[in-house]
Amino acid sequence: MSTEQLHVYRQLLREVRRQCVSAGSRRAWAAQLRSQWRAAPGGLRAAHNALTYLASGRRYRELQAEFSPKMAESDRIERSARRVGLATPKAYNGQTK
């Protein structure tokens, strides 16, 4: 195994370790990664793609958690409508005027 392949393999293992919370799922992912790596040792491009996908997904979730506050569904809809220049209609309460 070349040094670049080893580097990518270790990065993939680190990324799996960062994303998996339980030890059981971490071991399962690591075993799957090992078997895939042994089955196709020349798939360096696919390994880079998988690493980029995993790291980007983790970063996206981190950014979502940091910058997207938890709010009620109605508030989220109202803010989204205002962001694009629309207003949400008033809710019908069953009474006539």
PDB file of N, CA and C in Angstrom:
ATOM      1  N   MET A   1       0.862  -1.177   0.000  1.00  0.00           N
ATOM      2  CA  MET A   1       0.000   0.000   0.000  1.00  0.00           C
ATOM      3  C   MET A   1       0.904   1.234   0.000  1.00  0.00           C
ATOM      4  N   SER A   2       0.638   2.152  -0.911  1.00  0.00           N
ATOM      5  CA  SER A   2       1.449   3.363  -0.995  1.00  0.00           C
ATOM      6  C   SER A   2       1.133   4.301   0.167  1.00  0.00           C
ATOM      7  N   THR A   3       1.976   5.289   0.349  1.00  0.00           N
ATOM      8  CA  THR A   3       1.769   6.227   1.458  1.00  0.00           C
ATOM      9  C   THR A   3       0.500   7.042   1.260  1.00  0.00           C
ATOM     10  N   GLU A   4       0.176   7.396   0.022  1.00  0.00           N
ATOM     11  CA  GLU A   4      -1.049   8.162  -0.221  1.00  0.00           C
ATOM     12  C   GLU A   4      -2.287   7.319   0.087  1.00  0.00           C
ATOM     13  N   GLN A   5      -2.266   6.058  -0.321  1.00  0.00           N
ATOM     14  CA  GLN A   5      -3.387   5.171  -0.021  1.00  0.00           C
ATOM     15  C   GLN A   5      -3.556   4.989   1.483  1.00  0.00           C
ATOM     16  N   LEU A   6      -2.455   4.827   2.179  1.00  0.00           N
ATOM     17  CA  LEU A   6      -2.501   4.676   3.628  1.00  0.00           C
ATOM     18  C   LEU A   6      -3.034   5.945   4.288  1.00  0.00           C
ATOM     19  N   HIS A   7      -2.619   7.089   3.773  1.00  0.00           N
ATOM     20  CA  HIS A   7      -3.076   8.380   4.304  1.00  0.00           C
ATOM     21  C   HIS A   7      -4.594   8.526   4.142  1.00  0.00           C
ATOM     22  N   VAL A   8      -5.105   8.210   2.972  1.00  0.00           N
ATOM     23  CA  VAL A   8      -6.543   8.317   2.716  1.00  0.00           C
ATOM     24  C   VAL A   8      -7.309   7.313   3.572  1.00  0.00           C
ATOM     25  N   TYR A   9      -6.788   6.104   3.692  1.00  0.00           N
ATOM     26  CA  TYR A   9      -7.441   5.081   4.514  1.00  0.00           C
ATOM     27  C   TYR A   9      -7.536   5.535   5.968  1.00  0.00           C
ATOM     28  N   ARG A  10      -6.468   6.088   6.488  1.00  0.00           N
ATOM     29  CA  ARG A  10      -6.482   6.578   7.875  1.00  0.00           C
ATOM     30  C   ARG A  10      -7.437   7.755   8.040  1.00  0.00           C
ATOM     31  N   GLN A  11      -7.485   8.634   7.057  1.00  0.00           N
ATOM     32  CA  GLN A  11      -8.428   9.754   7.120  1.00  0.00           C
ATOM     33  C   GLN A  11      -9.869   9.251   7.139  1.00  0.00           C
ATOM     34  N   LEU A  12     -10.160   8.244   6.335  1.00  0.00           N
ATOM     35  CA  LEU A  12     -11.501   7.657   6.326  1.00  0.00           C
ATOM     36  C   LEU A  12     -11.845   7.056   7.688  1.00  0.00           C
ATOM     37  N   LEU A  13     -10.903   6.356   8.278  1.00  0.00           N
ATOM     38  CA  LEU A  13     -11.145   5.783   9.606  1.00  0.00           C
ATOM     39  C   LEU A  13     -11.389   6.877  10.646  1.00  0.00           C
ATOM     40  N   ARG A  14     -10.636   7.967  10.569  1.00  0.00           N
ATOM     41  CA  ARG A  14     -10.840   9.087  11.499  1.00  0.00           C
ATOM     42  C   ARG A  14     -12.217   9.707  11.318  1.00  0.00           C
ATOM     43  N   GLU A  15     -12.618   9.864  10.075  1.00  0.00           N
ATOM     44  CA  GLU A  15     -13.925  10.471   9.800  1.00  0.00           C
ATOM     45  C   GLU A  15     -15.051   9.580  10.314  1.00  0.00           C
ATOM     46  N   VAL A  16     -14.921   8.279  10.128  1.00  0.00           N
ATOM     47  CA  VAL A  16     -15.921   7.345  10.650  1.00  0.00           C
ATOM     48  C   VAL A  16     -15.957   7.435  12.173  1.00  0.00           C
ATOM     49  N   ARG A  17     -14.800   7.542  12.790  1.00  0.00           N
ATOM     50  CA  ARG A  17     -14.731   7.656  14.251  1.00  0.00           C
ATOM     51  C   ARG A  17     -15.415   8.931  14.734  1.00  0.00           C
ATOM     52  N   ARG A  18     -15.283  10.018  13.996  1.00  0.00           N
ATOM     53  CA  ARG A  18     -15.917  11.284  14.378  1.00  0.00           C
ATOM     54  C   ARG A  18     -17.434  11.222  14.260  1.00  0.00           C
ATOM     55  N   GLN A  19     -17.927  10.502  13.282  1.00  0.00           N
ATOM     56  CA  GLN A  19     -19.359  10.521  12.999  1.00  0.00           C
ATOM     57  C   GLN A  19     -20.152   9.468  13.751  1.00  0.00           C
ATOM     58  N   CYS A  20     -19.555   8.359  14.070  1.00  0.00           N
ATOM     59  CA  CYS A  20     -20.278   7.283  14.750  1.00  0.00           C
ATOM     60  C   CYS A  20     -20.212   7.488  16.255  1.00  0.00           C
ATOM     61  N   VAL A  21     -21.371   7.512  16.870  1.00  0.00           N
ATOM     62  CA  VAL A  21     -21.443   7.759  18.307  1.00  0.00           C
ATOM     63  C   VAL A  21     -21.173   6.487  19.099  1.00  0.00           C
ATOM     64  N   SER A  22     -21.830   5.404  18.742  1.00  0.00           N
ATOM     65  CA  SER A  22     -21.675   4.170  19.514  1.00  0.00           C
ATOM     66  C   SER A  22     -20.480   3.361  19.007  1.00  0.00           C
ATOM     67  N   ALA A  23     -19.865   2.644  19.920  1.00  0.00           N
ATOM     68  CA  ALA A  23     -18.690   1.851  19.570  1.00  0.00           C
ATOM     69  C   ALA A  23     -19.050   0.714  18.617  1.00  0.00           C
ATOM     70  N   GLY A  24     -20.243   0.149  18.770  1.00  0.00           N
ATOM     71  CA  GLY A  24     -20.664  -0.947  17.898  1.00  0.00           C
ATOM     72  C   GLY A  24     -20.794  -0.519  16.448  1.00  0.00           C
ATOM     73  N   SER A  25     -21.430   0.624  16.236  1.00  0.00           N
ATOM     74  CA  SER A  25     -21.580   1.102  14.856  1.00  0.00           C
ATOM     75  C   SER A  25     -20.235   1.540  14.287  1.00  0.00           C
ATOM     76  N   ARG A  26     -19.374   2.066  15.146  1.00  0.00           N
ATOM     77  CA  ARG A  26     -18.037   2.466  14.699  1.00  0.00           C
ATOM     78  C   ARG A  26     -17.261   1.249  14.208  1.00  0.00           C
ATOM     79  N   ARG A  27     -17.342   0.150  14.969  1.00  0.00           N
ATOM     80  CA  ARG A  27     -16.651  -1.076  14.566  1.00  0.00           C
ATOM     81  C   ARG A  27     -17.229  -1.632  13.271  1.00  0.00           C
ATOM     82  N   ALA A  28     -18.546  -1.578  13.141  1.00  0.00           N
ATOM     83  CA  ALA A  28     -19.188  -2.090  11.923  1.00  0.00           C
ATOM     84  C   ALA A  28     -18.756  -1.281  10.702  1.00  0.00           C
ATOM     85  N   TRP A  29     -18.741   0.045  10.843  1.00  0.00           N
ATOM     86  CA  TRP A  29     -18.306   0.892   9.731  1.00  0.00           C
ATOM     87  C   TRP A  29     -16.838   0.645   9.387  1.00  0.00           C
ATOM     88  N   ALA A  30     -16.005   0.520  10.416  1.00  0.00           N
ATOM     89  CA  ALA A  30     -14.582   0.278  10.176  1.00  0.00           C
ATOM     90  C   ALA A  30     -14.374  -1.064   9.479  1.00  0.00           C
ATOM     91  N   ALA A  31     -15.131  -2.083   9.881  1.00  0.00           N
ATOM     92  CA  ALA A  31     -15.020  -3.396   9.238  1.00  0.00           C
ATOM     93  C   ALA A  31     -15.468  -3.326   7.781  1.00  0.00           C
ATOM     94  N   GLN A  32     -16.555  -2.610   7.525  1.00  0.00           N
ATOM     95  CA  GLN A  32     -17.033  -2.447   6.149  1.00  0.00           C
ATOM     96  C   GLN A  32     -16.001  -1.701   5.304  1.00  0.00           C
ATOM     97  N   LEU A  33     -15.423  -0.674   5.878  1.00  0.00           N
ATOM     98  CA  LEU A  33     -14.401   0.101   5.179  1.00  0.00           C
ATOM     99  C   LEU A  33     -13.189  -0.765   4.865  1.00  0.00           C
ATOM    100  N   ARG A  34     -12.766  -1.567   5.835  1.00  0.00           N
ATOM    101  CA  ARG A  34     -11.633  -2.468   5.629  1.00  0.00           C
ATOM    102  C   ARG A  34     -11.913  -3.466   4.512  1.00  0.00           C
ATOM    103  N   SER A  35     -13.108  -4.048   4.522  1.00  0.00           N
ATOM    104  CA  SER A  35     -13.429  -5.042   3.488  1.00  0.00           C
ATOM    105  C   SER A  35     -13.497  -4.395   2.108  1.00  0.00           C
ATOM    106  N   GLN A  36     -14.047  -3.197   2.017  1.00  0.00           N
ATOM    107  CA  GLN A  36     -14.088  -2.486   0.737  1.00  0.00           C
ATOM    108  C   GLN A  36     -12.676  -2.146   0.263  1.00  0.00           C
ATOM    109  N   TRP A  37     -11.837  -1.752   1.185  1.00  0.00           N
ATOM    110  CA  TRP A  37     -10.473  -1.362   0.838  1.00  0.00           C
ATOM    111  C   TRP A  37      -9.691  -2.564   0.328  1.00  0.00           C
ATOM    112  N   ARG A  38      -9.907  -3.715   0.961  1.00  0.00           N
ATOM    113  CA  ARG A  38      -9.207  -4.933   0.530  1.00  0.00           C
ATOM    114  C   ARG A  38      -9.746  -5.445  -0.798  1.00  0.00           C
ATOM    115  N   ALA A  39     -11.031  -5.274  -1.035  1.00  0.00           N
ATOM    116  CA  ALA A  39     -11.641  -5.755  -2.277  1.00  0.00           C
ATOM    117  C   ALA A  39     -11.168  -4.947  -3.478  1.00  0.00           C
ATOM    118  N   ALA A  40     -11.003  -3.653  -3.304  1.00  0.00           N
ATOM    119  CA  ALA A  40     -10.576  -2.785  -4.408  1.00  0.00           C
ATOM    120  C   ALA A  40      -9.482  -1.842  -3.913  1.00  0.00           C
ATOM    121  N   PRO A  41      -8.251  -2.352  -3.766  1.00  0.00           N
ATOM    122  CA  PRO A  41      -7.189  -1.516  -3.211  1.00  0.00           C
ATOM    123  C   PRO A  41      -6.777  -0.359  -4.121  1.00  0.00           C
ATOM    124  N   GLY A  42      -7.094  -0.425  -5.398  1.00  0.00           N
ATOM    125  CA  GLY A  42      -6.713   0.635  -6.328  1.00  0.00           C
ATOM    126  C   GLY A  42      -7.734   1.747  -6.436  1.00  0.00           C
ATOM    127  N   GLY A  43      -8.792   1.700  -5.670  1.00  0.00           N
ATOM    128  CA  GLY A  43      -9.867   2.692  -5.776  1.00  0.00           C
ATOM    129  C   GLY A  43      -9.583   3.951  -4.983  1.00  0.00           C
ATOM    130  N   LEU A  44      -8.457   4.579  -5.245  1.00  0.00           N
ATOM    131  CA  LEU A  44      -8.066   5.774  -4.503  1.00  0.00           C
ATOM    132  C   LEU A  44      -9.004   6.938  -4.785  1.00  0.00           C
ATOM    133  N   ARG A  45      -9.437   7.065  -6.024  1.00  0.00           N
ATOM    134  CA  ARG A  45     -10.363   8.158  -6.366  1.00  0.00           C
ATOM    135  C   ARG A  45     -11.702   7.984  -5.644  1.00  0.00           C
ATOM    136  N   ALA A  46     -12.208   6.764  -5.607  1.00  0.00           N
ATOM    137  CA  ALA A  46     -13.461   6.493  -4.896  1.00  0.00           C
ATOM    138  C   ALA A  46     -13.296   6.748  -3.403  1.00  0.00           C
ATOM    139  N   ALA A  47     -12.131   6.419  -2.863  1.00  0.00           N
ATOM    140  CA  ALA A  47     -11.873   6.664  -1.445  1.00  0.00           C
ATOM    141  C   ALA A  47     -11.845   8.160  -1.157  1.00  0.00           C
ATOM    142  N   HIS A  48     -11.222   8.932  -2.044  1.00  0.00           N
ATOM    143  CA  HIS A  48     -11.218  10.395  -1.890  1.00  0.00           C
ATOM    144  C   HIS A  48     -12.644  10.936  -1.942  1.00  0.00           C
ATOM    145  N   ASN A  49     -13.442  10.425  -2.875  1.00  0.00           N
ATOM    146  CA  ASN A  49     -14.835  10.872  -2.984  1.00  0.00           C
ATOM    147  C   ASN A  49     -15.626  10.541  -1.721  1.00  0.00           C
ATOM    148  N   ALA A  50     -15.444   9.340  -1.204  1.00  0.00           N
ATOM    149  CA  ALA A  50     -16.143   8.947   0.021  1.00  0.00           C
ATOM    150  C   ALA A  50     -15.714   9.815   1.192  1.00  0.00           C
ATOM    151  N   LEU A  51     -14.428  10.099   1.280  1.00  0.00           N
ATOM    152  CA  LEU A  51     -13.914  10.949   2.353  1.00  0.00           C
ATOM    153  C   LEU A  51     -14.491  12.352   2.258  1.00  0.00           C
ATOM    154  N   THR A  52     -14.521  12.904   1.067  1.00  0.00           N
ATOM    155  CA  THR A  52     -15.087  14.240   0.871  1.00  0.00           C
ATOM    156  C   THR A  52     -16.566  14.259   1.223  1.00  0.00           C
ATOM    157  N   TYR A  53     -17.288  13.231   0.811  1.00  0.00           N
ATOM    158  CA  TYR A  53     -18.720  13.143   1.110  1.00  0.00           C
ATOM    159  C   TYR A  53     -18.966  13.085   2.614  1.00  0.00           C
ATOM    160  N   LEU A  54     -18.244  12.232   3.315  1.00  0.00           N
ATOM    161  CA  LEU A  54     -18.428  12.091   4.759  1.00  0.00           C
ATOM    162  C   LEU A  54     -18.058  13.371   5.505  1.00  0.00           C
ATOM    163  N   ALA A  55     -16.921  13.961   5.143  1.00  0.00           N
ATOM    164  CA  ALA A  55     -16.471  15.176   5.826  1.00  0.00           C
ATOM    165  C   ALA A  55     -17.412  16.342   5.549  1.00  0.00           C
ATOM    166  N   SER A  56     -17.890  16.455   4.319  1.00  0.00           N
ATOM    167  CA  SER A  56     -18.802  17.549   3.973  1.00  0.00           C
ATOM    168  C   SER A  56     -20.140  17.397   4.680  1.00  0.00           C
ATOM    169  N   GLY A  57     -20.637  16.182   4.760  1.00  0.00           N
ATOM    170  CA  GLY A  57     -21.889  15.941   5.475  1.00  0.00           C
ATOM    171  C   GLY A  57     -21.775  16.291   6.948  1.00  0.00           C
ATOM    172  N   ARG A  58     -20.658  15.920   7.554  1.00  0.00           N
ATOM    173  CA  ARG A  58     -20.443  16.250   8.967  1.00  0.00           C
ATOM    174  C   ARG A  58     -20.352  17.754   9.162  1.00  0.00           C
ATOM    175  N   ARG A  59     -19.636  18.418   8.281  1.00  0.00           N
ATOM    176  CA  ARG A  59     -19.484  19.876   8.388  1.00  0.00           C
ATOM    177  C   ARG A  59     -20.831  20.574   8.197  1.00  0.00           C
ATOM    178  N   TYR A  60     -21.645  20.084   7.271  1.00  0.00           N
ATOM    179  CA  TYR A  60     -22.973  20.651   7.043  1.00  0.00           C
ATOM    180  C   TYR A  60     -23.832  20.537   8.298  1.00  0.00           C
ATOM    181  N   ARG A  61     -23.821  19.360   8.921  1.00  0.00           N
ATOM    182  CA  ARG A  61     -24.599  19.180  10.152  1.00  0.00           C
ATOM    183  C   ARG A  61     -24.102  20.087  11.270  1.00  0.00           C
ATOM    184  N   GLU A  62     -22.785  20.280  11.361  1.00  0.00           N
ATOM    185  CA  GLU A  62     -22.238  21.182  12.374  1.00  0.00           C
ATOM    186  C   GLU A  62     -22.702  22.613  12.132  1.00  0.00           C
ATOM    187  N   LEU A  63     -22.666  23.055  10.879  1.00  0.00           N
ATOM    188  CA  LEU A  63     -23.102  24.415  10.553  1.00  0.00           C
ATOM    189  C   LEU A  63     -24.593  24.592  10.786  1.00  0.00           C
ATOM    190  N   GLN A  64     -25.385  23.586  10.427  1.00  0.00           N
ATOM    191  CA  GLN A  64     -26.823  23.651  10.671  1.00  0.00           C
ATOM    192  C   GLN A  64     -27.111  23.803  12.158  1.00  0.00           C
ATOM    193  N   ALA A  65     -26.422  23.032  12.966  1.00  0.00           N
ATOM    194  CA  ALA A  65     -26.648  23.091  14.411  1.00  0.00           C
ATOM    195  C   ALA A  65     -26.230  24.439  14.983  1.00  0.00           C
ATOM    196  N   GLU A  66     -25.184  25.019  14.417  1.00  0.00           N
ATOM    197  CA  GLU A  66     -24.670  26.281  14.945  1.00  0.00           C
ATOM    198  C   GLU A  66     -25.497  27.485  14.512  1.00  0.00           C
ATOM    199  N   PHE A  67     -25.902  27.524  13.261  1.00  0.00           N
ATOM    200  CA  PHE A  67     -26.521  28.730  12.725  1.00  0.00           C
ATOM    201  C   PHE A  67     -28.018  28.633  12.482  1.00  0.00           C
ATOM    202  N   SER A  68     -28.607  27.498  12.670  1.00  0.00           N
ATOM    203  CA  SER A  68     -30.034  27.351  12.464  1.00  0.00           C
ATOM    204  C   SER A  68     -30.693  27.090  13.809  1.00  0.00           C
ATOM    205  N   PRO A  69     -31.215  28.132  14.420  1.00  0.00           N
ATOM    206  CA  PRO A  69     -31.787  27.948  15.756  1.00  0.00           C
ATOM    207  C   PRO A  69     -33.027  27.064  15.718  1.00  0.00           C
ATOM    208  N   LYS A  70     -33.262  26.406  16.818  1.00  0.00           N
ATOM    209  CA  LYS A  70     -34.463  25.579  16.939  1.00  0.00           C
ATOM    210  C   LYS A  70     -35.668  26.498  17.085  1.00  0.00           C
ATOM    211  N   MET A  71     -36.657  26.317  16.231  1.00  0.00           N
ATOM    212  CA  MET A  71     -37.858  27.147  16.297  1.00  0.00           C
ATOM    213  C   MET A  71     -39.063  26.323  15.881  1.00  0.00           C
ATOM    214  N   ALA A  72     -40.215  26.843  16.199  1.00  0.00           N
ATOM    215  CA  ALA A  72     -41.459  26.160  15.844  1.00  0.00           C
ATOM    216  C   ALA A  72     -41.623  26.147  14.325  1.00  0.00           C
ATOM    217  N   GLU A  73     -42.355  25.167  13.840  1.00  0.00           N
ATOM    218  CA  GLU A  73     -42.584  25.026  12.402  1.00  0.00           C
ATOM    219  C   GLU A  73     -43.238  26.270  11.818  1.00  0.00           C
ATOM    220  N   SER A  74     -44.217  26.836  12.519  1.00  0.00           N
ATOM    221  CA  SER A  74     -44.907  28.026  12.003  1.00  0.00           C
ATOM    222  C   SER A  74     -43.953  29.216  11.910  1.00  0.00           C
ATOM    223  N   ASP A  75     -43.069  29.374  12.902  1.00  0.00           N
ATOM    224  CA  ASP A  75     -42.090  30.463  12.849  1.00  0.00           C
ATOM    225  C   ASP A  75     -41.121  30.270  11.694  1.00  0.00           C
ATOM    226  N   ARG A  76     -40.691  29.028  11.483  1.00  0.00           N
ATOM    227  CA  ARG A  76     -39.759  28.742  10.397  1.00  0.00           C
ATOM    228  C   ARG A  76     -40.393  29.056   9.048  1.00  0.00           C
ATOM    229  N   ILE A  77     -41.659  28.692   8.867  1.00  0.00           N
ATOM    230  CA  ILE A  77     -42.364  28.966   7.610  1.00  0.00           C
ATOM    231  C   ILE A  77     -42.515  30.465   7.409  1.00  0.00           C
ATOM    232  N   GLU A  78     -42.879  31.158   8.469  1.00  0.00           N
ATOM    233  CA  GLU A  78     -43.060  32.604   8.384  1.00  0.00           C
ATOM    234  C   GLU A  78     -41.747  33.302   8.017  1.00  0.00           C
ATOM    235  N   ARG A  79     -40.658  32.911   8.643  1.00  0.00           N
ATOM    236  CA  ARG A  79     -39.353  33.516   8.335  1.00  0.00           C
ATOM    237  C   ARG A  79     -38.922  33.212   6.905  1.00  0.00           C
ATOM    238  N   SER A  80     -39.165  31.981   6.467  1.00  0.00           N
ATOM    239  CA  SER A  80     -38.803  31.619   5.094  1.00  0.00           C
ATOM    240  C   SER A  80     -39.590  32.447   4.092  1.00  0.00           C
ATOM    241  N   ALA A  81     -40.866  32.657   4.353  1.00  0.00           N
ATOM    242  CA  ALA A  81     -41.700  33.464   3.455  1.00  0.00           C
ATOM    243  C   ALA A  81     -41.208  34.905   3.426  1.00  0.00           C
ATOM    244  N   ARG A  82     -40.904  35.463   4.579  1.00  0.00           N
ATOM    245  CA  ARG A  82     -40.411  36.843   4.626  1.00  0.00           C
ATOM    246  C   ARG A  82     -39.069  36.982   3.924  1.00  0.00           C
ATOM    247  N   ARG A  83     -38.248  35.942   3.992  1.00  0.00           N
ATOM    248  CA  ARG A  83     -36.926  35.991   3.371  1.00  0.00           C
ATOM    249  C   ARG A  83     -37.027  36.169   1.859  1.00  0.00           C
ATOM    250  N   VAL A  84     -38.077  35.618   1.250  1.00  0.00           N
ATOM    251  CA  VAL A  84     -38.244  35.738  -0.198  1.00  0.00           C
ATOM    252  C   VAL A  84     -39.255  36.805  -0.578  1.00  0.00           C
ATOM    253  N   GLY A  85     -39.677  37.621   0.389  1.00  0.00           N
ATOM    254  CA  GLY A  85     -40.554  38.746   0.094  1.00  0.00           C
ATOM    255  C   GLY A  85     -42.030  38.432   0.094  1.00  0.00           C
ATOM    256  N   LEU A  86     -42.438  37.371   0.724  1.00  0.00           N
ATOM    257  CA  LEU A  86     -43.849  37.007   0.790  1.00  0.00           C
ATOM    258  C   LEU A  86     -44.347  37.130   2.227  1.00  0.00           C
ATOM    259  N   ALA A  87     -45.650  37.113   2.364  1.00  0.00           N
ATOM    260  CA  ALA A  87     -46.254  37.107   3.695  1.00  0.00           C
ATOM    261  C   ALA A  87     -47.160  35.889   3.789  1.00  0.00           C
ATOM    262  N   THR A  88     -47.165  35.259   4.928  1.00  0.00           N
ATOM    263  CA  THR A  88     -48.042  34.105   5.106  1.00  0.00           C
ATOM    264  C   THR A  88     -49.448  34.593   5.416  1.00  0.00           C
ATOM    265  N   PRO A  89     -50.452  33.919   4.903  1.00  0.00           N
ATOM    266  CA  PRO A  89     -51.830  34.350   5.168  1.00  0.00           C
ATOM    267  C   PRO A  89     -52.207  34.092   6.623  1.00  0.00           C
ATOM    268  N   LYS A  90     -53.179  34.835   7.081  1.00  0.00           N
ATOM    269  CA  LYS A  90     -53.681  34.642   8.445  1.00  0.00           C
ATOM    270  C   LYS A  90     -54.408  33.299   8.500  1.00  0.00           C
ATOM    271  N   ALA A  91     -54.284  32.621   9.595  1.00  0.00           N
ATOM    272  CA  ALA A  91     -54.920  31.316   9.765  1.00  0.00           C
ATOM    273  C   ALA A  91     -56.412  31.495   9.997  1.00  0.00           C
ATOM    274  N   TYR A  92     -57.190  30.625   9.410  1.00  0.00           N
ATOM    275  CA  TYR A  92     -58.636  30.662   9.566  1.00  0.00           C
ATOM    276  C   TYR A  92     -58.985  30.037  10.904  1.00  0.00           C
ATOM    277  N   ASN A  93     -59.729  30.753  11.733  1.00  0.00           N
ATOM    278  CA  ASN A  93     -60.059  30.245  13.061  1.00  0.00           C
ATOM    279  C   ASN A  93     -61.488  29.724  13.165  1.00  0.00           C
ATOM    280  N   GLY A  94     -62.231  29.702  12.087  1.00  0.00           N
ATOM    281  CA  GLY A  94     -63.576  29.152  12.095  1.00  0.00           C
ATOM    282  C   GLY A  94     -64.673  30.159  12.352  1.00  0.00           C
ATOM    283  N   GLN A  95     -64.363  31.371  12.656  1.00  0.00           N
ATOM    284  CA  GLN A  95     -65.376  32.397  12.912  1.00  0.00           C
ATOM    285  C   GLN A  95     -65.504  33.291  11.680  1.00  0.00           C
ATOM    286  N   THR A  96     -66.709  33.717  11.411  1.00  0.00           N
ATOM    287  CA  THR A  96     -66.930  34.639  10.300  1.00  0.00           C
ATOM    288  C   THR A  96     -67.035  36.054  10.833  1.00  0.00           C
ATOM    289  N   LYS A  97     -66.780  37.011   9.965  1.00  0.00           N
ATOM    290  CA  LYS A  97     -66.826  38.418  10.377  1.00  0.00           C
ATOM    291  C   LYS A  97     -68.190  38.983  10.296  1.00  0.00           C
TER     292      LYS A  97
END
